[in-house]
C-alpha atoms as a PDB file:
ATOM      1  CA  MET A   1     -12.805 -27.228-102.410  1.00  0.00           C
ATOM      2  CA  THR A   2     -13.417 -26.929 -98.677  1.00  0.00           C
ATOM      3  CA  ALA A   3     -16.815 -26.060 -97.222  1.00  0.00           C
ATOM      4  CA  PHE A   4     -15.516 -22.697 -96.030  1.00  0.00           C
ATOM      5  CA  LYS A   5     -14.305 -21.738 -99.509  1.00  0.00           C
ATOM      6  CA  ARG A   6     -17.602 -22.822-101.057  1.00  0.00           C
ATOM      7  CA  PHE A   7     -19.404 -20.691 -98.493  1.00  0.00           C
ATOM      8  CA  LEU A   8     -17.304 -17.631 -99.350  1.00  0.00           C
ATOM      9  CA  ARG A   9     -17.929 -18.159-103.055  1.00  0.00           C
ATOM     10  CA  ASN A  10     -21.693 -18.079-102.535  1.00  0.00           C
ATOM     11  CA  PRO A  11     -23.116 -14.607-103.408  1.00  0.00           C
ATOM     12  CA  LYS A  12     -25.911 -15.030-100.861  1.00  0.00           C
ATOM     13  CA  ALA A  13     -23.347 -15.607 -98.124  1.00  0.00           C
ATOM     14  CA  ILE A  14     -21.352 -12.518 -99.087  1.00  0.00           C
ATOM     15  CA  ILE A  15     -24.395 -10.235 -99.121  1.00  0.00           C
ATOM     16  CA  GLY A  16     -25.681 -11.624 -95.841  1.00  0.00           C
ATOM     17  CA  MET A  17     -22.338 -11.416 -94.074  1.00  0.00           C
ATOM     18  CA  VAL A  18     -21.774  -7.801 -95.174  1.00  0.00           C
ATOM     19  CA  ILE A  19     -25.143  -6.747 -93.745  1.00  0.00           C
ATOM     20  CA  LEU A  20     -24.582  -8.674 -90.521  1.00  0.00           C
ATOM     21  CA  LEU A  21     -21.087  -7.231 -90.174  1.00  0.00           C
ATOM     22  CA  ALA A  22     -22.477  -3.703 -90.513  1.00  0.00           C
ATOM     23  CA  ALA A  23     -25.117  -4.408 -87.840  1.00  0.00           C
ATOM     24  CA  THR A  24     -22.503  -5.925 -85.529  1.00  0.00           C
ATOM     25  CA  ILE A  25     -20.164  -2.962 -85.937  1.00  0.00           C
ATOM     26  CA  ALA A  26     -23.028  -0.565 -85.177  1.00  0.00           C
ATOM     27  CA  ALA A  27     -23.930  -2.517 -82.039  1.00  0.00           C
ATOM     28  CA  VAL A  28     -20.345  -2.725 -80.769  1.00  0.00           C
ATOM     29  CA  LEU A  29     -19.348   0.859 -81.533  1.00  0.00           C
ATOM     30  CA  ALA A  30     -22.609   2.547 -80.516  1.00  0.00           C
ATOM     31  CA  PRO A  31     -21.420   3.368 -76.939  1.00  0.00           C
ATOM     32  CA  VAL A  32     -18.130   4.699 -78.333  1.00  0.00           C
ATOM     33  CA  ILE A  33     -19.542   6.830 -81.153  1.00  0.00           C
ATOM     34  CA  PHE A  34     -22.673   7.918 -79.278  1.00  0.00           C
ATOM     35  CA  PRO A  35     -21.706   7.988 -75.591  1.00  0.00           C
ATOM     36  CA  GLN A  36     -24.739  10.084 -74.699  1.00  0.00           C
ATOM     37  CA  GLY A  37     -26.986   7.086 -75.324  1.00  0.00           C
ATOM     38  CA  PRO A  38     -30.282   6.900 -77.252  1.00  0.00           C
ATOM     39  CA  TRP A  39     -32.564   8.545 -74.689  1.00  0.00           C
ATOM     40  CA  PRO A  40     -31.507  12.238 -74.330  1.00  0.00           C
ATOM     41  CA  MET A  41     -33.111  14.937 -76.475  1.00  0.00           C
ATOM     42  CA  ALA A  42     -30.721  15.830 -79.306  1.00  0.00           C
ATOM     43  CA  ASN A  43     -32.741  18.315 -81.386  1.00  0.00           C
ATOM     44  CA  ARG A  44     -36.264  19.543 -81.893  1.00  0.00           C
ATOM     45  CA  PRO A  45     -39.009  16.906 -82.127  1.00  0.00           C
ATOM     46  CA  PHE A  46     -40.104  15.564 -85.508  1.00  0.00           C
ATOM     47  CA  LEU A  47     -37.014  16.744 -87.365  1.00  0.00           C
ATOM     48  CA  PRO A  48     -37.262  15.249 -90.893  1.00  0.00           C
ATOM     49  CA  PRO A  49     -34.367  13.211 -92.318  1.00  0.00           C
ATOM     50  CA  MET A  50     -31.460  15.084 -93.947  1.00  0.00           C
ATOM     51  CA  GLU A  51     -32.839  18.475 -92.912  1.00  0.00           C
ATOM     52  CA  GLN A  52     -29.939  19.292 -90.586  1.00  0.00           C
ATOM     53  CA  PRO A  53     -26.314  18.081 -90.625  1.00  0.00           C
ATOM     54  CA  GLY A  54     -25.638  15.352 -88.096  1.00  0.00           C
ATOM     55  CA  PHE A  55     -29.210  14.023 -88.163  1.00  0.00           C
ATOM     56  CA  PRO A  56     -29.464  12.019 -91.392  1.00  0.00           C
ATOM     57  CA  LEU A  57     -32.442   9.971 -90.150  1.00  0.00           C
ATOM     58  CA  GLY A  58     -34.202  12.779 -88.263  1.00  0.00           C
ATOM     59  CA  THR A  59     -35.583  12.749 -84.740  1.00  0.00           C
ATOM     60  CA  ASP A  60     -38.627  11.295 -82.993  1.00  0.00           C
ATOM     61  CA  MET A  61     -41.445  12.937 -81.032  1.00  0.00           C
ATOM     62  CA  MET A  62     -39.079  13.525 -78.086  1.00  0.00           C
ATOM     63  CA  GLY A  63     -36.271  14.974 -80.181  1.00  0.00           C
ATOM     64  CA  ARG A  64     -34.134  11.820 -79.885  1.00  0.00           C
ATOM     65  CA  ASP A  65     -31.741  10.972 -82.716  1.00  0.00           C
ATOM     66  CA  ILE A  66     -33.168   8.050 -84.697  1.00  0.00           C
ATOM     67  CA  MET A  67     -29.770   7.011 -86.046  1.00  0.00           C
ATOM     68  CA  VAL A  68     -28.421   6.702 -82.502  1.00  0.00           C
ATOM     69  CA  ALA A  69     -31.502   4.737 -81.446  1.00  0.00           C
ATOM     70  CA  ILE A  70     -31.074   2.318 -84.362  1.00  0.00           C
ATOM     71  CA  ALA A  71     -27.414   1.748 -83.450  1.00  0.00           C
ATOM     72  CA  TYR A  72     -28.311   0.962 -79.828  1.00  0.00           C
ATOM     73  CA  GLY A  73     -31.269  -1.125 -80.967  1.00  0.00           C
ATOM     74  CA  ALA A  74     -28.842  -3.380 -82.829  1.00  0.00           C
ATOM     75  CA  GLN A  75     -27.388  -4.374 -79.453  1.00  0.00           C
ATOM     76  CA  VAL A  76     -30.738  -5.635 -78.208  1.00  0.00           C
ATOM     77  CA  SER A  77     -31.737  -7.413 -81.414  1.00  0.00           C
ATOM     78  CA  LEU A  78     -28.429  -9.222 -81.859  1.00  0.00           C
ATOM     79  CA  LEU A  79     -28.162 -10.077 -78.162  1.00  0.00           C
ATOM     80  CA  VAL A  80     -31.692 -11.486 -78.035  1.00  0.00           C
ATOM     81  CA  GLY A  81     -31.315 -13.315 -81.347  1.00  0.00           C
ATOM     82  CA  LEU A  82     -28.040 -15.017 -80.461  1.00  0.00           C
ATOM     83  CA  SER A  83     -28.744 -15.699 -76.780  1.00  0.00           C
ATOM     84  CA  SER A  84     -32.254 -17.096 -77.243  1.00  0.00           C
ATOM     85  CA  THR A  85     -31.032 -19.292 -80.093  1.00  0.00           C
ATOM     86  CA  LEU A  86     -28.268 -20.610 -77.836  1.00  0.00           C
ATOM     87  CA  VAL A  87     -30.860 -21.447 -75.162  1.00  0.00           C
ATOM     88  CA  ALA A  88     -33.043 -23.215 -77.727  1.00  0.00           C
ATOM     89  CA  LEU A  89     -30.059 -25.156 -79.101  1.00  0.00           C
ATOM     90  CA  LEU A  90     -28.977 -26.330 -75.656  1.00  0.00           C
ATOM     91  CA  VAL A  91     -32.452 -27.603 -74.781  1.00  0.00           C
ATOM     92  CA  GLY A  92     -33.250 -28.991 -78.230  1.00  0.00           C
ATOM     93  CA  ILE A  93     -29.936 -30.778 -78.718  1.00  0.00           C
ATOM     94  CA  LEU A  94     -30.078 -32.331 -75.251  1.00  0.00           C
ATOM     95  CA  LEU A  95     -33.618 -33.656 -75.585  1.00  0.00           C
ATOM     96  CA  GLY A  96     -33.230 -34.656 -79.225  1.00  0.00           C
ATOM     97  CA  ALA A  97     -29.974 -36.515 -78.545  1.00  0.00           C
ATOM     98  CA  LEU A  98     -31.466 -38.475 -75.653  1.00  0.00           C
ATOM     99  CA  ALA A  99     -34.603 -39.346 -77.628  1.00  0.00           C
ATOM    100  CA  GLY A 100     -32.731 -40.391 -80.761  1.00  0.00           C
ATOM    101  CA  PHE A 101     -29.976 -42.355 -79.029  1.00  0.00           C
ATOM    102  CA  TYR A 102     -31.981 -44.333 -76.468  1.00  0.00           C
ATOM    103  CA  GLY A 103     -35.259 -44.692 -78.387  1.00  0.00           C
ATOM    104  CA  GLY A 104     -38.101 -46.688 -76.808  1.00  0.00           C
ATOM    105  CA  ILE A 105     -39.876 -45.144 -73.829  1.00  0.00           C
ATOM    106  CA  VAL A 106     -37.368 -42.283 -73.600  1.00  0.00           C
ATOM    107  CA  ASP A 107     -38.079 -41.349 -77.203  1.00  0.00           C
ATOM    108  CA  ASP A 108     -41.843 -41.589 -76.723  1.00  0.00           C
ATOM    109  CA  VAL A 109     -41.888 -39.414 -73.603  1.00  0.00           C
ATOM    110  CA  LEU A 110     -39.561 -36.719 -74.943  1.00  0.00           C
ATOM    111  CA  MET A 111     -41.311 -36.536 -78.317  1.00  0.00           C
ATOM    112  CA  ARG A 112     -44.708 -36.210 -76.637  1.00  0.00           C
ATOM    113  CA  VAL A 113     -43.333 -33.310 -74.605  1.00  0.00           C
ATOM    114  CA  THR A 114     -41.968 -31.779 -77.802  1.00  0.00           C
ATOM    115  CA  GLU A 115     -45.288 -32.177 -79.573  1.00  0.00           C
ATOM    116  CA  PHE A 116     -47.084 -30.573 -76.625  1.00  0.00           C
ATOM    117  CA  PHE A 117     -44.902 -27.461 -76.909  1.00  0.00           C
ATOM    118  CA  GLN A 118     -45.463 -27.384 -80.668  1.00  0.00           C
ATOM    119  CA  THR A 119     -49.243 -27.280 -80.205  1.00  0.00           C
ATOM    120  CA  ILE A 120     -48.988 -23.991 -78.293  1.00  0.00           C
ATOM    121  CA  PRO A 121     -48.871 -20.834 -80.463  1.00  0.00           C
ATOM    122  CA  THR A 122     -45.253 -19.787 -80.038  1.00  0.00           C
ATOM    123  CA  PHE A 123     -45.717 -16.019 -80.102  1.00  0.00           C
ATOM    124  CA  VAL A 124     -48.627 -16.088 -77.663  1.00  0.00           C
ATOM    125  CA  PHE A 125     -46.663 -18.382 -75.355  1.00  0.00           C
ATOM    126  CA  ALA A 126     -43.633 -16.070 -75.525  1.00  0.00           C
ATOM    127  CA  LEU A 127     -45.804 -13.048 -74.696  1.00  0.00           C
ATOM    128  CA  LEU A 128     -47.316 -14.884 -71.744  1.00  0.00           C
ATOM    129  CA  LEU A 129     -43.911 -15.865 -70.385  1.00  0.00           C
ATOM    130  CA  VAL A 130     -42.560 -12.313 -70.687  1.00  0.00           C
ATOM    131  CA  ALA A 131     -45.636 -10.927 -68.947  1.00  0.00           C
ATOM    132  CA  ILE A 132     -45.299 -13.448 -66.109  1.00  0.00           C
ATOM    133  CA  LEU A 133     -41.560 -12.941 -65.682  1.00  0.00           C
ATOM    134  CA  SER A 134     -41.867  -9.122 -66.046  1.00  0.00           C
ATOM    135  CA  PRO A 135     -40.511  -7.377 -69.153  1.00  0.00           C
ATOM    136  CA  SER A 136     -36.720  -7.427 -69.291  1.00  0.00           C
ATOM    137  CA  ILE A 137     -34.020  -8.455 -71.713  1.00  0.00           C
ATOM    138  CA  GLN A 138     -33.407 -11.642 -69.702  1.00  0.00           C
ATOM    139  CA  SER A 139     -37.071 -12.678 -69.684  1.00  0.00           C
ATOM    140  CA  ILE A 140     -37.370 -12.056 -73.432  1.00  0.00           C
ATOM    141  CA  ILE A 141     -34.311 -14.211 -74.122  1.00  0.00           C
ATOM    142  CA  LEU A 142     -35.634 -16.993 -71.888  1.00  0.00           C
ATOM    143  CA  ALA A 143     -39.146 -16.840 -73.341  1.00  0.00           C
ATOM    144  CA  ILE A 144     -37.994 -16.969 -76.963  1.00  0.00           C
ATOM    145  CA  GLY A 145     -35.540 -19.751 -76.146  1.00  0.00           C
ATOM    146  CA  ILE A 146     -38.270 -21.820 -74.471  1.00  0.00           C
ATOM    147  CA  VAL A 147     -40.649 -21.576 -77.434  1.00  0.00           C
ATOM    148  CA  SER A 148     -37.937 -22.174 -80.078  1.00  0.00           C
ATOM    149  CA  TRP A 149     -36.375 -25.502 -79.082  1.00  0.00           C
ATOM    150  CA  PRO A 150     -38.894 -28.092 -80.479  1.00  0.00           C
ATOM    151  CA  PRO A 151     -37.717 -27.940 -84.141  1.00  0.00           C
ATOM    152  CA  VAL A 152     -34.129 -28.423 -82.961  1.00  0.00           C
ATOM    153  CA  ALA A 153     -35.116 -31.420 -80.841  1.00  0.00           C
ATOM    154  CA  ARG A 154     -36.956 -33.095 -83.716  1.00  0.00           C
ATOM    155  CA  LEU A 155     -34.085 -32.485 -86.125  1.00  0.00           C
ATOM    156  CA  VAL A 156     -31.435 -33.805 -83.730  1.00  0.00           C
ATOM    157  CA  ARG A 157     -33.599 -36.780 -82.784  1.00  0.00           C
ATOM    158  CA  SER A 158     -33.979 -37.834 -86.430  1.00  0.00           C
ATOM    159  CA  GLU A 159     -30.228 -37.464 -87.029  1.00  0.00           C
ATOM    160  CA  PHE A 160     -29.350 -39.502 -83.922  1.00  0.00           C
ATOM    161  CA  ALA A 161     -31.872 -42.192 -84.798  1.00  0.00           C
ATOM    162  CA  ALA A 162     -30.290 -42.529 -88.255  1.00  0.00           C
ATOM    163  CA  LEU A 163     -26.709 -42.605 -86.955  1.00  0.00           C
ATOM    164  CA  ARG A 164     -26.937 -44.764 -83.832  1.00  0.00           C
ATOM    165  CA  ASN A 165     -26.814 -48.011 -85.830  1.00  0.00           C
ATOM    166  CA  ARG A 166     -23.926 -46.972 -88.068  1.00  0.00           C
ATOM    167  CA  GLU A 167     -20.679 -48.943 -88.040  1.00  0.00           C
ATOM    168  CA  PHE A 168     -18.557 -46.307 -86.309  1.00  0.00           C
ATOM    169  CA  VAL A 169     -21.050 -46.120 -83.425  1.00  0.00           C
ATOM    170  CA  LYS A 170     -21.123 -49.902 -83.030  1.00  0.00           C
ATOM    171  CA  ALA A 171     -17.344 -49.930 -83.096  1.00  0.00           C
ATOM    172  CA  ALA A 172     -17.237 -47.387 -80.273  1.00  0.00           C
ATOM    173  CA  MET A 173     -19.624 -49.558 -78.258  1.00  0.00           C
ATOM    174  CA  VAL A 174     -17.436 -52.629 -78.811  1.00  0.00           C
ATOM    175  CA  LEU A 175     -14.435 -50.662 -77.547  1.00  0.00           C
ATOM    176  CA  GLY A 176     -16.292 -50.076 -74.296  1.00  0.00           C
ATOM    177  CA  ARG A 177     -16.888 -46.354 -74.629  1.00  0.00           C
ATOM    178  CA  SER A 178     -19.670 -44.936 -72.452  1.00  0.00           C
ATOM    179  CA  ASN A 179     -22.956 -43.686 -73.858  1.00  0.00           C
ATOM    180  CA  ARG A 180     -21.998 -40.112 -72.988  1.00  0.00           C
ATOM    181  CA  GLN A 181     -18.715 -40.423 -74.884  1.00  0.00           C
ATOM    182  CA  ILE A 182     -20.474 -41.927 -77.904  1.00  0.00           C
ATOM    183  CA  ILE A 183     -23.118 -39.197 -77.913  1.00  0.00           C
ATOM    184  CA  LEU A 184     -20.694 -36.300 -77.502  1.00  0.00           C
ATOM    185  CA  SER A 185     -17.728 -37.435 -79.575  1.00  0.00           C
ATOM    186  CA  GLU A 186     -19.148 -39.812 -82.178  1.00  0.00           C
ATOM    187  CA  ILE A 187     -22.741 -38.912 -83.078  1.00  0.00           C
ATOM    188  CA  LEU A 188     -23.190 -35.259 -82.119  1.00  0.00           C
ATOM    189  CA  PRO A 189     -20.399 -33.878 -84.358  1.00  0.00           C
ATOM    190  CA  ASN A 190     -22.021 -35.630 -87.327  1.00  0.00           C
ATOM    191  CA  THR A 191     -25.378 -33.974 -86.668  1.00  0.00           C
ATOM    192  CA  MET A 192     -24.174 -30.375 -86.422  1.00  0.00           C
ATOM    193  CA  SER A 193     -24.315 -29.445 -90.122  1.00  0.00           C
ATOM    194  CA  PRO A 194     -28.126 -29.188 -90.387  1.00  0.00           C
ATOM    195  CA  VAL A 195     -28.314 -27.749 -86.865  1.00  0.00           C
ATOM    196  CA  ILE A 196     -25.962 -24.900 -87.804  1.00  0.00           C
ATOM    197  CA  ALA A 197     -28.041 -24.070 -90.874  1.00  0.00           C
ATOM    198  CA  LEU A 198     -31.226 -24.133 -88.776  1.00  0.00           C
ATOM    199  CA  ALA A 199     -29.640 -21.947 -86.085  1.00  0.00           C
ATOM    200  CA  SER A 200     -29.080 -19.033 -88.459  1.00  0.00           C
ATOM    201  CA  LEU A 201     -32.767 -19.048 -89.371  1.00  0.00           C
ATOM    202  CA  MET A 202     -33.704 -19.261 -85.688  1.00  0.00           C
ATOM    203  CA  VAL A 203     -31.731 -16.083 -84.975  1.00  0.00           C
ATOM    204  CA  ALA A 204     -33.777 -14.278 -87.619  1.00  0.00           C
ATOM    205  CA  THR A 205     -37.031 -15.575 -86.127  1.00  0.00           C
ATOM    206  CA  ALA A 206     -35.912 -14.529 -82.642  1.00  0.00           C
ATOM    207  CA  ILE A 207     -35.159 -10.983 -83.835  1.00  0.00           C
ATOM    208  CA  LEU A 208     -38.620 -10.728 -85.382  1.00  0.00           C
ATOM    209  CA  THR A 209     -40.224 -12.106 -82.224  1.00  0.00           C
ATOM    210  CA  GLU A 210     -38.368  -9.631 -80.003  1.00  0.00           C
ATOM    211  CA  ALA A 211     -39.407  -6.784 -82.293  1.00  0.00           C
ATOM    212  CA  ALA A 212     -43.051  -7.875 -82.076  1.00  0.00           C
ATOM    213  CA  ILE A 213     -42.892  -8.189 -78.275  1.00  0.00           C
ATOM    214  CA  SER A 214     -41.347  -4.727 -77.949  1.00  0.00           C
ATOM    215  CA  PHE A 215     -43.870  -3.325 -80.444  1.00  0.00           C
ATOM    216  CA  LEU A 216     -46.663  -4.461 -78.118  1.00  0.00           C
ATOM    217  CA  GLY A 217     -45.037  -2.713 -75.141  1.00  0.00           C
ATOM    218  CA  LEU A 218     -43.528  -5.723 -73.361  1.00  0.00           C
ATOM    219  CA  GLY A 219     -39.911  -5.014 -74.212  1.00  0.00           C
ATOM    220  CA  ASP A 220     -37.237  -4.038 -71.719  1.00  0.00           C
ATOM    221  CA  PRO A 221     -38.129  -0.446 -70.697  1.00  0.00           C
ATOM    222  CA  ASN A 222     -34.459   0.332 -70.071  1.00  0.00           C
ATOM    223  CA  ARG A 223     -33.185  -0.749 -73.506  1.00  0.00           C
ATOM    224  CA  MET A 224     -33.808   0.820 -76.886  1.00  0.00           C
ATOM    225  CA  SER A 225     -34.949  -1.667 -79.513  1.00  0.00           C
ATOM    226  CA  TRP A 226     -36.152  -1.546 -83.082  1.00  0.00           C
ATOM    227  CA  GLY A 227     -39.545  -2.968 -82.160  1.00  0.00           C
ATOM    228  CA  TYR A 228     -40.009  -0.318 -79.471  1.00  0.00           C
ATOM    229  CA  MET A 229     -39.193   2.415 -81.990  1.00  0.00           C
ATOM    230  CA  ILE A 230     -41.839   1.172 -84.416  1.00  0.00           C
ATOM    231  CA  GLY A 231     -44.400   0.716 -81.637  1.00  0.00           C
ATOM    232  CA  ALA A 232     -43.811   4.195 -80.244  1.00  0.00           C
ATOM    233  CA  SER A 233     -44.223   5.783 -83.670  1.00  0.00           C
ATOM    234  CA  ARG A 234     -47.416   4.056 -84.789  1.00  0.00           C
ATOM    235  CA  THR A 235     -49.617   6.901 -83.534  1.00  0.00           C
ATOM    236  CA  VAL A 236     -47.703   9.525 -85.539  1.00  0.00           C
ATOM    237  CA  ILE A 237     -46.978   7.530 -88.676  1.00  0.00           C
ATOM    238  CA  ARG A 238     -48.677  10.103 -90.930  1.00  0.00           C
ATOM    239  CA  GLN A 239     -46.911  12.996 -89.279  1.00  0.00           C
ATOM    240  CA  ALA A 240     -43.446  11.394 -89.044  1.00  0.00           C
ATOM    241  CA  TRP A 241     -43.175   8.418 -91.405  1.00  0.00           C
ATOM    242  CA  TRP A 242     -39.418   8.136 -90.903  1.00  0.00           C
ATOM    243  CA  MET A 243     -39.770   7.102 -87.247  1.00  0.00           C
ATOM    244  CA  SER A 244     -41.130   3.684 -88.200  1.00  0.00           C
ATOM    245  CA  PHE A 245     -39.685   3.426 -91.697  1.00  0.00           C
ATOM    246  CA  PHE A 246     -35.972   3.319 -90.837  1.00  0.00           C
ATOM    247  CA  PRO A 247     -36.114   0.772 -87.983  1.00  0.00           C
ATOM    248  CA  GLY A 248     -38.450  -1.320 -90.136  1.00  0.00           C
ATOM    249  CA  VAL A 249     -35.961  -1.294 -93.005  1.00  0.00           C
ATOM    250  CA  VAL A 250     -33.150  -2.293 -90.634  1.00  0.00           C
ATOM    251  CA  ILE A 251     -35.166  -5.245 -89.307  1.00  0.00           C
ATOM    252  CA  LEU A 252     -35.935  -6.287 -92.888  1.00  0.00           C
ATOM    253  CA  LEU A 253     -32.278  -6.137 -93.911  1.00  0.00           C
ATOM    254  CA  VAL A 254     -30.954  -8.049 -90.889  1.00  0.00           C
ATOM    255  CA  VAL A 255     -33.584 -10.792 -91.166  1.00  0.00           C
ATOM    256  CA  LEU A 256     -32.961 -11.023 -94.917  1.00  0.00           C
ATOM    257  CA  ALA A 257     -29.213 -11.301 -94.267  1.00  0.00           C
ATOM    258  CA  LEU A 258     -29.710 -14.124 -91.779  1.00  0.00           C
ATOM    259  CA  ASN A 259     -31.927 -15.991 -94.216  1.00  0.00           C
ATOM    260  CA  LEU A 260     -29.346 -15.578 -96.984  1.00  0.00           C
ATOM    261  CA  VAL A 261     -26.604 -16.886 -94.691  1.00  0.00           C
ATOM    262  CA  GLY A 262     -28.841 -19.783 -93.660  1.00  0.00           C
ATOM    263  CA  GLU A 263     -29.511 -20.723 -97.275  1.00  0.00           C
ATOM    264  CA  ALA A 264     -25.800 -20.477 -98.083  1.00  0.00           C
ATOM    265  CA  LEU A 265     -24.934 -22.692 -95.113  1.00  0.00           C
ATOM    266  CA  ASN A 266     -27.529 -25.229 -96.212  1.00  0.00           C
ATOM    267  CA  ASP A 267     -26.084 -25.228 -99.732  1.00  0.00           C
ATOM    268  CA  VAL A 268     -22.607 -25.888 -98.339  1.00  0.00           C
ATOM    269  CA  LEU A 269     -23.442 -28.314 -95.542  1.00  0.00           C
ATOM    270  CA  ASN A 270     -26.095 -30.346 -97.362  1.00  0.00           C
ATOM    271  CA  PRO A 271     -24.155 -33.307 -98.794  1.00  0.00           C
ATOM    272  CA  ARG A 272     -26.292 -33.666-101.926  1.00  0.00           C
ATOM    273  CA  LEU A 273     -26.109 -29.960-102.753  1.00  0.00           C
ATOM    274  CA  ALA A 274     -22.399 -29.884-101.984  1.00  0.00           C
ATOM    275  CA  ARG A 275     -21.725 -32.791-104.385  1.00  0.00           C
ATOM    276  CA  LYS A 276     -23.794 -31.109-107.073  1.00  0.00           C
ATOM    277  CA  GLY A 277     -21.791 -27.900-106.618  1.00  0.00           C
ATOM    278  CA  ARG A 278     -18.486 -29.787-107.112  1.00  0.00           C
ATOM    279  CA  GLN A 279     -19.609 -31.395-110.359  1.00  0.00           C
END
């Protein structure tokens, strides 16, 4: 049975993918279904859920439709989660590959840099970077990417260090292939399984981090996000519980889905677990 079929047979993968598909569809179709955007007043303020047709999740203190805001917020959360994870993967894979392949002084220097970044509280560092760069979707992506790469670097470094002395690598060296060719075509493809599983969990962490940054008022002021919705409603939580409840539930579901997909990927891509599943 192929890895893809084993993945599709995993109940955790199915549940996670269904939730992520729903969030992706909402993000993609939000401008089509709700062309007016999330900011205009749609009804009276503090309209409770299900009280009027067309407003199943109610409205906020400005009369804005919460369902529309959640759909547009999916764009920000998914964009930040995927983009910042891509930034972290690019940096982490590059540094980890160099450290693991060359070893020696290169390994020592790069791992000391990695350890330095790991000693800094990641959320505080991300907040500081966003504040310095000015709040925007680009600065949030960059900040989260910068604080998220060390685990990737350490994982890739350990994989490269274990593989660089294998027979197929030595054979490539004997054939006269360059270090870049060996890294990119021989070792790197064999290290991607654990990196892919880690990446799905990093997307979930990035979404939570973006929500926390927006909750504290450092999100992009021109983009609606789930964290902003919860932060804006914290002063009226007793008067309008639904304003923070629904975006909070959506964050919970998306992060849960990403964790389920990550666990399913680990079950499939982990050689020991995969062999156990075939027995």
